Amino acid sequence: MIKIKIKRKKDYIVEFSAEGHAHYGEEGQDIICAAVSAILQTAAFGLINYLEVEAEVSTSNGWLSCSLDLKTAQDPEVQAVLGAMLAGVRETVKEYPDYLKIIEGGGNNA
């Protein structure tokens, strides 16, 4: 199962990551892994290359994590990108609930 983690501070998304495998189809042809990777990479690299914000991005074996400081995360354009990412992930979970799980945390603390 792929676990997509969303961390919030003061209701703003400040970090997202994914870990695990869907094991849906043959290795290298897993459409669920590809979908999650595409959604997360588009968000991370959209933030960096399009909005030109500083984000800490790390990748490992096709998986990605991205974190932002709270001030950057509060920008409306940044939240639009992250909101679109979360919408895409949620829709993918609806299609493949046995293979994906979203874990949200962080609450309203600073």
N, C-alpha and C. Protein backbone atom coordinates (compact mmCIF):
# COMPACT_ATOMS: atom_id res chain seq x y z
N MET A 1 0.84 -1.18 0.00
CA MET A 1 0.00 0.00 0.00
C MET A 1 0.89 1.24 0.00
N ILE A 2 0.44 2.26 -0.72
CA ILE A 2 1.13 3.54 -0.72
C ILE A 2 0.49 4.42 0.34
N LYS A 3 1.32 4.98 1.22
CA LYS A 3 0.85 5.91 2.23
C LYS A 3 1.33 7.30 1.86
N ILE A 4 0.37 8.19 1.68
CA ILE A 4 0.67 9.58 1.34
C ILE A 4 0.45 10.40 2.60
N LYS A 5 1.51 11.03 3.07
CA LYS A 5 1.43 11.80 4.31
C LYS A 5 1.36 13.29 4.01
N ILE A 6 0.42 13.94 4.65
CA ILE A 6 0.22 15.39 4.52
C ILE A 6 0.35 15.98 5.91
N LYS A 7 1.29 16.90 6.09
CA LYS A 7 1.48 17.55 7.38
C LYS A 7 1.06 19.01 7.27
N ARG A 8 0.33 19.46 8.27
CA ARG A 8 -0.15 20.85 8.29
C ARG A 8 0.36 21.57 9.53
N LYS A 9 0.51 22.88 9.38
CA LYS A 9 0.72 23.79 10.50
C LYS A 9 -0.25 24.93 10.28
N LYS A 10 -1.00 25.25 11.32
CA LYS A 10 -2.00 26.33 11.23
C LYS A 10 -2.89 26.14 10.00
N ASP A 11 -3.29 24.94 9.73
CA ASP A 11 -4.17 24.57 8.60
C ASP A 11 -3.51 24.68 7.22
N TYR A 12 -2.24 25.03 7.14
CA TYR A 12 -1.54 25.13 5.86
C TYR A 12 -0.72 23.85 5.64
N ILE A 13 -0.77 23.32 4.45
CA ILE A 13 0.06 22.17 4.11
C ILE A 13 1.51 22.64 4.08
N VAL A 14 2.36 22.02 4.88
CA VAL A 14 3.78 22.39 4.93
C VAL A 14 4.68 21.23 4.49
N GLU A 15 4.11 20.03 4.39
CA GLU A 15 4.93 18.88 4.00
C GLU A 15 4.04 17.80 3.41
N PHE A 16 4.59 17.12 2.40
CA PHE A 16 3.91 15.95 1.86
C PHE A 16 4.95 14.93 1.42
N SER A 17 4.56 13.67 1.49
CA SER A 17 5.47 12.60 1.09
C SER A 17 4.66 11.35 0.78
N ALA A 18 5.33 10.39 0.19
CA ALA A 18 4.70 9.10 -0.09
C ALA A 18 5.73 8.01 0.17
N GLU A 19 5.22 6.87 0.65
CA GLU A 19 6.08 5.71 0.87
C GLU A 19 5.27 4.46 0.61
N GLY A 20 5.96 3.41 0.26
CA GLY A 20 5.31 2.13 0.01
C GLY A 20 5.14 1.86 -1.47
N HIS A 21 4.47 0.75 -1.77
CA HIS A 21 4.23 0.34 -3.15
C HIS A 21 2.81 -0.16 -3.28
N ALA A 22 2.21 0.07 -4.43
CA ALA A 22 0.85 -0.40 -4.68
C ALA A 22 0.84 -1.86 -5.08
N HIS A 23 1.88 -2.32 -5.77
CA HIS A 23 1.93 -3.69 -6.30
C HIS A 23 0.71 -3.96 -7.19
N TYR A 24 0.43 -3.01 -8.04
CA TYR A 24 -0.70 -3.11 -8.96
C TYR A 24 -0.13 -3.31 -10.36
N GLY A 25 -0.01 -4.53 -10.79
CA GLY A 25 0.57 -4.80 -12.09
C GLY A 25 2.05 -5.11 -11.98
N GLU A 26 2.67 -5.23 -13.12
CA GLU A 26 4.09 -5.57 -13.18
C GLU A 26 4.96 -4.40 -12.76
N GLU A 27 6.14 -4.73 -12.23
CA GLU A 27 7.09 -3.70 -11.84
C GLU A 27 7.42 -2.83 -13.04
N GLY A 28 7.41 -1.53 -12.82
CA GLY A 28 7.69 -0.58 -13.89
C GLY A 28 6.47 -0.21 -14.71
N GLN A 29 5.34 -0.89 -14.47
CA GLN A 29 4.12 -0.59 -15.21
C GLN A 29 2.94 -0.37 -14.26
N ASP A 30 3.24 -0.05 -13.03
CA ASP A 30 2.22 0.14 -12.01
C ASP A 30 1.59 1.53 -12.18
N ILE A 31 0.35 1.56 -12.65
CA ILE A 31 -0.29 2.85 -12.94
C ILE A 31 -0.61 3.64 -11.68
N ILE A 32 -0.80 2.97 -10.57
CA ILE A 32 -1.10 3.69 -9.33
C ILE A 32 0.16 4.40 -8.83
N CYS A 33 1.28 3.69 -8.82
CA CYS A 33 2.54 4.32 -8.43
C CYS A 33 2.88 5.49 -9.37
N ALA A 34 2.65 5.28 -10.65
CA ALA A 34 2.93 6.33 -11.62
C ALA A 34 2.05 7.54 -11.39
N ALA A 35 0.78 7.32 -11.09
CA ALA A 35 -0.14 8.44 -10.85
C ALA A 35 0.28 9.24 -9.63
N VAL A 36 0.57 8.55 -8.54
CA VAL A 36 0.98 9.24 -7.31
C VAL A 36 2.29 9.99 -7.53
N SER A 37 3.23 9.36 -8.18
CA SER A 37 4.51 10.02 -8.47
C SER A 37 4.31 11.27 -9.31
N ALA A 38 3.49 11.17 -10.33
CA ALA A 38 3.25 12.32 -11.22
C ALA A 38 2.59 13.47 -10.47
N ILE A 39 1.61 13.15 -9.64
CA ILE A 39 0.92 14.20 -8.89
C ILE A 39 1.87 14.89 -7.92
N LEU A 40 2.63 14.12 -7.15
CA LEU A 40 3.53 14.71 -6.16
C LEU A 40 4.68 15.46 -6.81
N GLN A 41 5.24 14.90 -7.88
CA GLN A 41 6.35 15.58 -8.56
C GLN A 41 5.87 16.88 -9.21
N THR A 42 4.70 16.86 -9.79
CA THR A 42 4.16 18.09 -10.41
C THR A 42 4.01 19.18 -9.36
N ALA A 43 3.50 18.82 -8.20
CA ALA A 43 3.37 19.82 -7.13
C ALA A 43 4.72 20.33 -6.67
N ALA A 44 5.64 19.43 -6.35
CA ALA A 44 6.95 19.85 -5.83
C ALA A 44 7.71 20.70 -6.84
N PHE A 45 7.78 20.23 -8.07
CA PHE A 45 8.57 20.97 -9.05
C PHE A 45 7.84 22.19 -9.59
N GLY A 46 6.51 22.19 -9.48
CA GLY A 46 5.75 23.40 -9.79
C GLY A 46 6.05 24.50 -8.78
N LEU A 47 6.12 24.13 -7.51
CA LEU A 47 6.48 25.10 -6.47
C LEU A 47 7.86 25.68 -6.72
N ILE A 48 8.81 24.81 -7.02
CA ILE A 48 10.20 25.24 -7.19
C ILE A 48 10.41 25.99 -8.51
N ASN A 49 9.95 25.40 -9.61
CA ASN A 49 10.27 25.95 -10.93
C ASN A 49 9.30 27.03 -11.40
N TYR A 50 8.04 26.95 -11.00
CA TYR A 50 7.05 27.91 -11.47
C TYR A 50 6.88 29.06 -10.48
N LEU A 51 6.67 28.73 -9.22
CA LEU A 51 6.48 29.76 -8.20
C LEU A 51 7.81 30.24 -7.61
N GLU A 52 8.88 29.50 -7.88
CA GLU A 52 10.22 29.84 -7.43
C GLU A 52 10.31 29.99 -5.92
N VAL A 53 9.69 29.06 -5.20
CA VAL A 53 9.79 29.06 -3.74
C VAL A 53 10.88 28.08 -3.31
N GLU A 54 11.37 28.29 -2.10
CA GLU A 54 12.35 27.37 -1.55
C GLU A 54 11.61 26.23 -0.87
N ALA A 55 11.92 25.05 -1.31
CA ALA A 55 11.32 23.85 -0.73
C ALA A 55 12.41 22.81 -0.58
N GLU A 56 12.31 22.04 0.48
CA GLU A 56 13.25 20.94 0.68
C GLU A 56 12.64 19.70 0.05
N VAL A 57 13.24 19.24 -1.03
CA VAL A 57 12.72 18.09 -1.76
C VAL A 57 13.76 16.98 -1.73
N SER A 58 13.30 15.78 -1.43
CA SER A 58 14.20 14.63 -1.51
C SER A 58 13.48 13.50 -2.22
N THR A 59 14.25 12.75 -2.98
CA THR A 59 13.70 11.62 -3.72
C THR A 59 14.54 10.39 -3.42
N SER A 60 13.88 9.24 -3.47
CA SER A 60 14.57 7.98 -3.24
C SER A 60 13.77 6.88 -3.90
N ASN A 61 14.38 6.18 -4.84
CA ASN A 61 13.72 5.07 -5.52
C ASN A 61 12.36 5.46 -6.09
N GLY A 62 12.28 6.65 -6.65
CA GLY A 62 11.03 7.08 -7.26
C GLY A 62 10.06 7.76 -6.31
N TRP A 63 10.35 7.76 -5.01
CA TRP A 63 9.46 8.41 -4.05
C TRP A 63 9.99 9.77 -3.69
N LEU A 64 9.11 10.62 -3.22
CA LEU A 64 9.45 12.01 -3.03
C LEU A 64 8.87 12.54 -1.74
N SER A 65 9.59 13.45 -1.11
CA SER A 65 9.04 14.21 0.01
C SER A 65 9.37 15.67 -0.22
N CYS A 66 8.50 16.53 0.24
CA CYS A 66 8.68 17.96 0.03
C CYS A 66 8.22 18.68 1.29
N SER A 67 9.03 19.62 1.78
CA SER A 67 8.64 20.41 2.94
C SER A 67 8.94 21.88 2.71
N LEU A 68 8.10 22.70 3.31
CA LEU A 68 8.17 24.15 3.20
C LEU A 68 8.14 24.76 4.59
N ASP A 69 8.67 25.97 4.72
CA ASP A 69 8.49 26.66 5.99
C ASP A 69 7.09 27.26 6.01
N LEU A 70 6.60 27.59 7.19
CA LEU A 70 5.23 28.06 7.35
C LEU A 70 4.96 29.34 6.58
N LYS A 71 5.91 30.26 6.59
CA LYS A 71 5.70 31.54 5.88
C LYS A 71 5.48 31.29 4.39
N THR A 72 6.29 30.44 3.79
CA THR A 72 6.14 30.11 2.37
C THR A 72 4.81 29.41 2.13
N ALA A 73 4.46 28.51 3.03
CA ALA A 73 3.22 27.73 2.87
C ALA A 73 1.98 28.60 2.91
N GLN A 74 2.05 29.74 3.56
CA GLN A 74 0.88 30.61 3.70
C GLN A 74 0.57 31.40 2.43
N ASP A 75 1.45 31.40 1.46
CA ASP A 75 1.22 32.11 0.21
C ASP A 75 0.02 31.47 -0.51
N PRO A 76 -0.95 32.26 -0.96
CA PRO A 76 -2.13 31.71 -1.63
C PRO A 76 -1.81 30.88 -2.88
N GLU A 77 -0.80 31.27 -3.64
CA GLU A 77 -0.43 30.49 -4.83
C GLU A 77 0.16 29.14 -4.43
N VAL A 78 0.94 29.12 -3.37
CA VAL A 78 1.51 27.87 -2.88
C VAL A 78 0.39 26.95 -2.43
N GLN A 79 -0.56 27.47 -1.67
CA GLN A 79 -1.66 26.64 -1.22
C GLN A 79 -2.55 26.18 -2.38
N ALA A 80 -2.64 26.98 -3.44
CA ALA A 80 -3.40 26.55 -4.62
C ALA A 80 -2.74 25.32 -5.25
N VAL A 81 -1.41 25.35 -5.38
CA VAL A 81 -0.69 24.19 -5.93
C VAL A 81 -0.87 22.98 -5.02
N LEU A 82 -0.71 23.18 -3.72
CA LEU A 82 -0.82 22.07 -2.78
C LEU A 82 -2.25 21.55 -2.67
N GLY A 83 -3.22 22.45 -2.76
CA GLY A 83 -4.62 22.04 -2.75
C GLY A 83 -4.97 21.22 -3.98
N ALA A 84 -4.44 21.63 -5.13
CA ALA A 84 -4.66 20.86 -6.36
C ALA A 84 -4.02 19.48 -6.25
N MET A 85 -2.82 19.43 -5.66
CA MET A 85 -2.15 18.15 -5.45
C MET A 85 -3.00 17.24 -4.57
N LEU A 86 -3.50 17.77 -3.46
CA LEU A 86 -4.30 16.98 -2.54
C LEU A 86 -5.60 16.52 -3.20
N ALA A 87 -6.21 17.37 -4.00
CA ALA A 87 -7.43 16.97 -4.72
C ALA A 87 -7.13 15.82 -5.66
N GLY A 88 -6.01 15.89 -6.37
CA GLY A 88 -5.62 14.81 -7.28
C GLY A 88 -5.38 13.50 -6.56
N VAL A 89 -4.71 13.58 -5.42
CA VAL A 89 -4.44 12.38 -4.63
C VAL A 89 -5.74 11.80 -4.08
N ARG A 90 -6.62 12.65 -3.59
CA ARG A 90 -7.90 12.17 -3.05
C ARG A 90 -8.73 11.46 -4.11
N GLU A 91 -8.75 12.01 -5.31
CA GLU A 91 -9.50 11.37 -6.39
C GLU A 91 -8.88 10.03 -6.77
N THR A 92 -7.57 9.94 -6.73
CA THR A 92 -6.89 8.68 -7.02
C THR A 92 -7.20 7.65 -5.94
N VAL A 93 -7.25 8.08 -4.69
CA VAL A 93 -7.61 7.17 -3.60
C VAL A 93 -9.03 6.64 -3.79
N LYS A 94 -9.94 7.48 -4.26
CA LYS A 94 -11.32 7.03 -4.50
C LYS A 94 -11.35 5.90 -5.52
N GLU A 95 -10.49 5.97 -6.52
CA GLU A 95 -10.44 4.95 -7.57
C GLU A 95 -9.75 3.67 -7.11
N TYR A 96 -8.77 3.80 -6.22
CA TYR A 96 -7.96 2.65 -5.80
C TYR A 96 -7.81 2.61 -4.28
N PRO A 97 -8.91 2.53 -3.52
CA PRO A 97 -8.83 2.60 -2.06
C PRO A 97 -8.06 1.45 -1.41
N ASP A 98 -7.94 0.33 -2.09
CA ASP A 98 -7.20 -0.80 -1.51
C ASP A 98 -5.69 -0.65 -1.65
N TYR A 99 -5.25 0.36 -2.40
CA TYR A 99 -3.83 0.51 -2.70
C TYR A 99 -3.22 1.80 -2.17
N LEU A 100 -4.07 2.75 -1.77
CA LEU A 100 -3.60 4.07 -1.35
C LEU A 100 -4.27 4.48 -0.05
N LYS A 101 -3.51 5.22 0.76
CA LYS A 101 -4.07 5.78 1.99
C LYS A 101 -3.46 7.15 2.21
N ILE A 102 -4.29 8.12 2.58
CA ILE A 102 -3.81 9.46 2.92
C ILE A 102 -3.80 9.56 4.43
N ILE A 103 -2.68 10.02 4.97
CA ILE A 103 -2.54 10.24 6.41
C ILE A 103 -2.27 11.73 6.60
N GLU A 104 -3.22 12.41 7.22
CA GLU A 104 -3.07 13.85 7.45
C GLU A 104 -2.83 14.10 8.92
N GLY A 105 -1.94 15.04 9.21
CA GLY A 105 -1.62 15.35 10.59
C GLY A 105 -1.05 16.74 10.73
N GLY A 106 -0.79 17.10 11.95
CA GLY A 106 -0.20 18.41 12.23
C GLY A 106 -1.12 19.34 12.96
N GLY A 107 -2.42 19.21 12.72
CA GLY A 107 -3.39 20.04 13.42
C GLY A 107 -3.19 21.53 13.20
N ASN A 108 -3.59 22.31 14.15
CA ASN A 108 -3.54 23.77 14.03
C ASN A 108 -2.39 24.38 14.80
N ASN A 109 -1.45 23.59 15.23
CA ASN A 109 -0.33 24.11 16.03
C ASN A 109 0.67 24.83 15.15
N ALA A 110 1.40 25.74 15.76
CA ALA A 110 2.40 26.52 15.03
C ALA A 110 3.59 25.74 14.72
